């Protein structure tokens, strides 16, 4: 099901000519961010990167997309980071 959603969005974005100045709608794409699970962190980030690359998400938005699904310890750690470190990749 998740793969089908990703493929649909990918096809939709491939039919449009995208320019670097095009607006990125984070709200539209947030539903495609995989659910975060602390037990599988080692698999989570490569999965997220693959989705982000395949859908051509601009890197400056990656941290915003990631933090939206963090929970537990990951959310605590992210919240404790100074603002300037929260937005670096």
Protein backbone atom coordinates (compact mmCIF):
# COMPACT_ATOMS: atom_id res chain seq x y z
CA UNK A 1 0.00 0.00 0.00
CA UNK A 2 2.79 2.41 0.97
CA UNK A 3 4.66 1.54 -2.24
CA UNK A 4 1.56 2.29 -4.29
CA UNK A 5 1.21 5.73 -2.67
CA UNK A 6 4.87 6.48 -3.35
CA UNK A 7 4.60 5.36 -6.98
CA UNK A 8 1.47 7.48 -7.51
CA UNK A 9 3.12 10.59 -6.15
CA UNK A 10 6.30 9.85 -8.08
CA UNK A 11 4.39 9.47 -11.35
CA UNK A 12 2.44 12.63 -10.64
CA UNK A 13 5.62 14.59 -10.00
CA UNK A 14 7.33 13.14 -13.09
CA UNK A 15 4.58 14.40 -15.37
CA UNK A 16 5.20 17.97 -14.28
CA UNK A 17 8.27 19.93 -15.21
CA UNK A 18 9.86 20.76 -11.92
CA UNK A 19 12.07 23.75 -11.40
CA UNK A 20 14.29 24.38 -8.41
CA UNK A 21 12.19 27.37 -7.45
CA UNK A 22 8.97 25.31 -7.38
CA UNK A 23 7.12 25.38 -4.08
CA UNK A 24 7.44 22.22 -1.98
CA UNK A 25 4.19 21.29 -0.26
CA UNK A 26 5.33 19.56 2.93
CA UNK A 27 1.74 19.01 4.08
CA UNK A 28 0.97 17.06 0.91
CA UNK A 29 4.07 14.88 1.27
CA UNK A 30 4.05 14.37 5.04
CA UNK A 31 1.72 11.38 4.72
CA UNK A 32 4.42 9.56 2.76
CA UNK A 33 6.96 9.75 5.58
CA UNK A 34 7.28 6.22 6.98
CA UNK A 35 6.20 5.62 10.58
CA UNK A 36 9.06 5.88 13.06
CA UNK A 37 9.85 2.94 15.33
CA UNK A 38 12.66 3.17 17.88
CA UNK A 39 13.30 -0.57 17.60
CA UNK A 40 14.21 -0.37 13.90
CA UNK A 41 16.17 2.89 13.73
CA UNK A 42 18.96 1.23 11.73
CA UNK A 43 16.48 0.47 8.94
CA UNK A 44 14.36 3.62 9.27
CA UNK A 45 16.79 6.28 8.07
CA UNK A 46 17.90 4.46 4.88
CA UNK A 47 14.21 3.87 4.11
CA UNK A 48 13.42 7.56 4.66
CA UNK A 49 16.34 8.67 2.46
CA UNK A 50 15.27 6.34 -0.34
CA UNK A 51 11.73 7.75 -0.29
CA UNK A 52 12.99 11.34 -0.10
CA UNK A 53 15.35 10.82 -3.05
CA UNK A 54 12.75 8.98 -5.15
CA UNK A 55 10.19 11.73 -4.62
CA UNK A 56 12.73 14.54 -5.13
CA UNK A 57 12.10 16.14 -1.75
CA UNK A 58 14.37 19.16 -1.26
CA UNK A 59 16.99 18.36 1.41
CA UNK A 60 16.22 21.48 3.48
CA UNK A 61 12.81 19.93 4.25
CA UNK A 62 14.09 16.52 5.35
CA UNK A 63 14.51 17.43 9.01
CA UNK A 64 11.02 18.93 9.14
CA UNK A 65 9.58 15.79 7.60
CA UNK A 66 11.55 13.53 9.96
CA UNK A 67 10.76 15.34 13.18
CA UNK A 68 7.05 15.11 12.42
CA UNK A 69 7.13 11.34 13.01
CA UNK A 70 9.64 11.14 15.87
CA UNK A 71 8.34 9.78 19.12
CA UNK A 72 9.79 8.67 22.43
CA UNK A 73 13.52 9.17 22.90
CA UNK A 74 14.03 10.45 19.35
CA UNK A 75 11.49 13.24 19.92
CA UNK A 76 13.14 14.14 23.23
CA UNK A 77 16.61 14.30 21.68
CA UNK A 78 15.41 16.33 18.71
CA UNK A 79 13.62 18.80 21.00
CA UNK A 80 16.78 19.22 23.08
CA UNK A 81 18.91 20.18 20.06
CA UNK A 82 19.77 23.86 19.58
CA UNK A 83 17.82 25.38 16.67
CA UNK A 84 20.85 25.72 14.40
CA UNK A 85 21.56 21.97 14.66
CA UNK A 86 17.96 20.95 13.98
CA UNK A 87 18.11 22.11 10.39
CA UNK A 88 21.50 20.75 9.31
CA UNK A 89 21.81 17.59 7.29
